[in-house]
Amino acid sequence: MQTKNIMIVGVGGQGSLLASKLLGRLLVDEGYDVKVSEVHGMSQRGGSVVTYVRYGDKVYSPIIEDGEADFIVSFEKIEAARWLPCLKKDGKIIVNTQQIDPMPVIIGKAQYPADALEKIKEEGAFVDAIDALSIANDAGNAKAVNIVLMARLAKYFDIGYDKWINSIENTVAPKFVELNKKAFELGYNY
């Protein structure tokens, strides 16, 4: 199998690292060679966080170069726009429609672009936009946005629903398993 590339991008504290761990475990359980690499900008200060997940028969490097990502899963609209150059021509962007103001916007030095998703679509990218925050809240906790986005990604895979649930059970802390299973179900059936 040719190597597939997934980027998980967001802002520190949104759970993108747990999402990449969940995805990595699932793919290893499916028998793939998997490489995961995390890049933490100023993540503890609300900065950008990027995780590369590469899988296939044999993966030699964990890094995804420009134009190589089959999927970008973005926890926030500006992060989707920031990483758009990494997307393949026929790639897909799954994006949470949530807006998280970066520091320049917070301090009044810049304005949040109102048309971020439209600009991505104008570039010809396939955009699957989802209000993951509302779905996570419906599941019982706003922090489950990461699992809602993984559920949306699951719709594009030939890996059964039960295997994703098994990965949640084996990755998430036991006290949060039921909440995350509910978030996954709601995101999957959205």
Protein backbone atom coordinates (compact mmCIF):
# COMPACT_ATOMS: atom_id res chain seq x y z
CA MET A 1 0.00 0.00 0.00
CA GLN A 2 1.20 3.48 -0.85
CA THR A 3 1.91 5.66 2.18
CA LYS A 4 -1.00 7.84 3.28
CA ASN A 5 -0.52 11.15 5.07
CA ILE A 6 -2.73 12.84 7.64
CA MET A 7 -2.05 16.14 9.36
CA ILE A 8 -3.86 17.01 12.57
CA VAL A 9 -3.61 20.74 13.22
CA GLY A 10 -4.94 22.97 15.95
CA VAL A 11 -4.23 25.18 18.88
CA GLY A 12 -2.61 24.05 22.12
CA GLY A 13 -5.05 22.49 24.55
CA GLN A 14 -7.60 21.27 22.00
CA GLY A 15 -6.66 17.59 22.22
CA SER A 16 -4.92 17.16 18.89
CA LEU A 17 -2.19 15.03 20.48
CA LEU A 18 -4.76 12.59 21.90
CA ALA A 19 -6.42 12.47 18.47
CA SER A 20 -3.11 11.53 16.82
CA LYS A 21 -2.45 8.89 19.48
CA LEU A 22 -5.90 7.41 18.90
CA LEU A 23 -5.40 7.38 15.13
CA GLY A 24 -1.89 5.93 15.41
CA ARG A 25 -3.09 3.10 17.66
CA LEU A 26 -5.96 2.30 15.29
CA LEU A 27 -3.64 2.12 12.28
CA VAL A 28 -1.05 -0.02 14.10
CA ASP A 29 -3.86 -2.38 15.15
CA GLU A 30 -4.82 -2.59 11.46
CA GLY A 31 -1.29 -3.85 10.68
CA TYR A 32 0.19 -0.73 9.08
CA ASP A 33 3.64 0.67 9.60
CA VAL A 34 2.89 4.01 11.30
CA LYS A 35 5.01 7.06 12.01
CA VAL A 36 3.71 9.92 14.17
CA SER A 37 5.55 13.19 14.67
CA GLU A 38 4.42 16.12 16.81
CA VAL A 39 5.42 19.76 16.42
CA HIS A 40 4.41 21.94 19.38
CA GLY A 41 4.95 25.65 18.61
CA MET A 42 3.91 27.70 21.60
CA SER A 43 1.20 25.17 22.38
CA GLN A 44 0.96 25.98 26.08
CA ARG A 45 0.24 29.60 25.16
CA GLY A 46 -2.48 28.79 22.64
CA GLY A 47 -0.06 28.46 19.74
CA SER A 48 -0.17 26.12 16.77
CA VAL A 49 0.17 22.36 17.23
CA VAL A 50 0.75 20.04 14.27
CA THR A 51 0.88 16.26 14.25
CA TYR A 52 1.89 14.19 11.25
CA VAL A 53 0.47 10.66 10.95
CA ARG A 54 1.88 8.58 8.10
CA TYR A 55 0.93 4.97 7.46
CA GLY A 56 1.35 2.27 4.84
CA ASP A 57 3.28 -0.93 4.15
CA LYS A 58 6.58 0.77 5.00
CA VAL A 59 6.98 4.37 6.15
CA TYR A 60 10.49 5.82 6.22
CA SER A 61 9.91 9.34 7.53
CA PRO A 62 7.37 10.90 9.90
CA ILE A 63 7.33 14.30 8.18
CA ILE A 64 4.73 15.41 5.61
CA GLU A 65 5.99 17.89 3.03
CA ASP A 66 3.98 20.48 1.09
CA GLY A 67 1.52 18.89 -1.32
CA GLU A 68 1.64 15.44 0.36
CA ALA A 69 -1.26 15.40 2.87
CA ASP A 70 -4.20 13.20 1.93
CA PHE A 71 -6.15 14.68 4.84
CA ILE A 72 -5.83 17.72 7.05
CA VAL A 73 -7.95 17.54 10.18
CA SER A 74 -8.15 21.06 11.55
CA PHE A 75 -9.45 21.99 14.97
CA GLU A 76 -9.83 25.63 13.92
CA LYS A 77 -10.46 27.58 10.68
CA ILE A 78 -7.25 29.66 10.55
CA GLU A 79 -5.17 26.54 11.19
CA ALA A 80 -6.82 24.92 8.16
CA ALA A 81 -5.84 27.93 6.03
CA ARG A 82 -2.31 28.00 7.46
CA TRP A 83 -1.61 24.37 6.50
CA LEU A 84 -3.46 24.34 3.14
CA PRO A 85 -0.18 24.23 1.13
CA CYS A 86 0.47 20.77 2.56
CA LEU A 87 -2.71 19.31 1.03
CA LYS A 88 -2.56 17.12 -2.09
CA LYS A 89 -4.56 18.27 -5.12
CA ASP A 90 -7.21 15.61 -4.39
CA GLY A 91 -6.86 15.80 -0.59
CA LYS A 92 -9.57 16.63 1.90
CA ILE A 93 -9.74 19.10 4.77
CA ILE A 94 -11.98 18.28 7.72
CA VAL A 95 -12.36 21.49 9.69
CA ASN A 96 -14.07 22.47 12.91
CA THR A 97 -15.94 25.70 12.27
CA GLN A 98 -14.91 27.01 15.69
CA GLN A 99 -13.05 30.32 15.80
CA ILE A 100 -10.20 30.68 18.28
CA ASP A 101 -8.63 34.12 18.17
CA PRO A 102 -4.83 34.06 17.92
CA MET A 103 -2.80 36.46 20.07
CA PRO A 104 -2.55 39.24 17.41
CA VAL A 105 -6.36 39.33 17.24
CA ILE A 106 -6.72 39.24 21.02
CA ILE A 107 -4.43 42.23 21.48
CA GLY A 108 -6.03 44.19 18.62
CA LYS A 109 -3.11 44.04 16.16
CA ALA A 110 -5.04 42.00 13.59
CA GLN A 111 -8.55 40.93 12.67
CA TYR A 112 -9.78 37.37 12.37
CA PRO A 113 -10.51 36.70 8.69
CA ALA A 114 -14.27 36.31 8.35
CA ASP A 115 -13.97 34.35 5.11
CA ALA A 116 -11.27 31.77 5.99
CA LEU A 117 -13.28 28.75 4.79
CA GLU A 118 -14.40 30.47 1.60
CA LYS A 119 -10.78 31.28 0.72
CA ILE A 120 -9.79 27.64 1.24
CA LYS A 121 -12.61 26.53 -1.06
CA GLU A 122 -11.56 29.12 -3.66
CA GLU A 123 -8.17 27.36 -3.76
CA GLY A 124 -10.02 24.26 -4.95
CA ALA A 125 -9.73 22.25 -1.75
CA PHE A 126 -12.41 19.77 -0.69
CA VAL A 127 -13.67 21.11 2.65
CA ASP A 128 -15.77 19.10 5.07
CA ALA A 129 -16.75 21.74 7.66
CA ILE A 130 -18.40 20.59 10.87
CA ASP A 131 -19.44 22.37 14.06
CA ALA A 132 -17.51 19.92 16.22
CA LEU A 133 -17.78 22.13 19.30
CA SER A 134 -21.60 21.97 19.34
CA ILE A 135 -21.50 18.21 18.80
CA ALA A 136 -18.95 17.80 21.62
CA ASN A 137 -21.17 19.88 23.90
CA ASP A 138 -24.12 17.64 22.99
CA ALA A 139 -21.98 14.66 24.03
CA GLY A 140 -21.36 16.29 27.39
CA ASN A 141 -18.01 18.08 27.19
CA ALA A 142 -16.51 20.71 24.86
CA LYS A 143 -13.13 18.99 25.16
CA ALA A 144 -14.45 16.08 23.06
CA VAL A 145 -14.01 18.13 19.85
CA ASN A 146 -10.99 15.96 19.03
CA ILE A 147 -13.07 12.77 19.09
CA VAL A 148 -15.84 14.36 17.01
CA LEU A 149 -13.23 15.26 14.37
CA MET A 150 -11.79 11.73 14.44
CA ALA A 151 -15.33 10.42 13.89
CA ARG A 152 -15.68 12.64 10.84
CA LEU A 153 -12.33 11.37 9.53
CA ALA A 154 -13.53 7.79 10.10
CA LYS A 155 -16.22 8.33 7.44
CA TYR A 156 -13.44 8.42 4.81
CA PHE A 157 -11.80 5.15 5.94
CA ASP A 158 -12.57 1.50 5.27
CA ILE A 159 -12.01 0.69 8.93
CA GLY A 160 -15.10 -0.45 10.80
CA TYR A 161 -16.85 1.64 13.42
CA ASP A 162 -16.19 -0.95 16.14
CA LYS A 163 -12.44 -0.77 15.54
CA TRP A 164 -12.50 3.00 16.11
CA ILE A 165 -14.45 2.44 19.34
CA ASN A 166 -11.91 -0.18 20.41
CA SER A 167 -9.13 2.35 19.81
CA ILE A 168 -10.98 4.89 21.98
CA GLU A 169 -11.32 2.30 24.76
CA ASN A 170 -7.59 1.54 24.57
CA THR A 171 -6.37 5.15 24.32
CA VAL A 172 -8.60 7.36 26.46
CA ALA A 173 -8.45 7.42 30.27
CA PRO A 174 -11.11 5.02 31.61
CA LYS A 175 -13.18 7.73 33.29
CA PHE A 176 -13.62 9.50 29.93
CA VAL A 177 -14.31 6.47 27.70
CA GLU A 178 -18.12 6.68 27.72
CA LEU A 179 -18.11 10.43 27.03
CA ASN A 180 -15.71 9.94 24.11
CA LYS A 181 -17.69 7.02 22.71
CA LYS A 182 -20.80 9.23 22.73
CA ALA A 183 -18.87 12.07 21.05
CA PHE A 184 -17.61 9.65 18.41
CA GLU A 185 -21.12 8.32 17.76
CA LEU A 186 -22.57 11.83 17.39
CA GLY A 187 -19.73 12.96 15.11
CA TYR A 188 -19.90 9.81 13.01
CA ASN A 189 -23.65 10.10 12.50
CA TYR A 190 -23.63 13.87 11.92
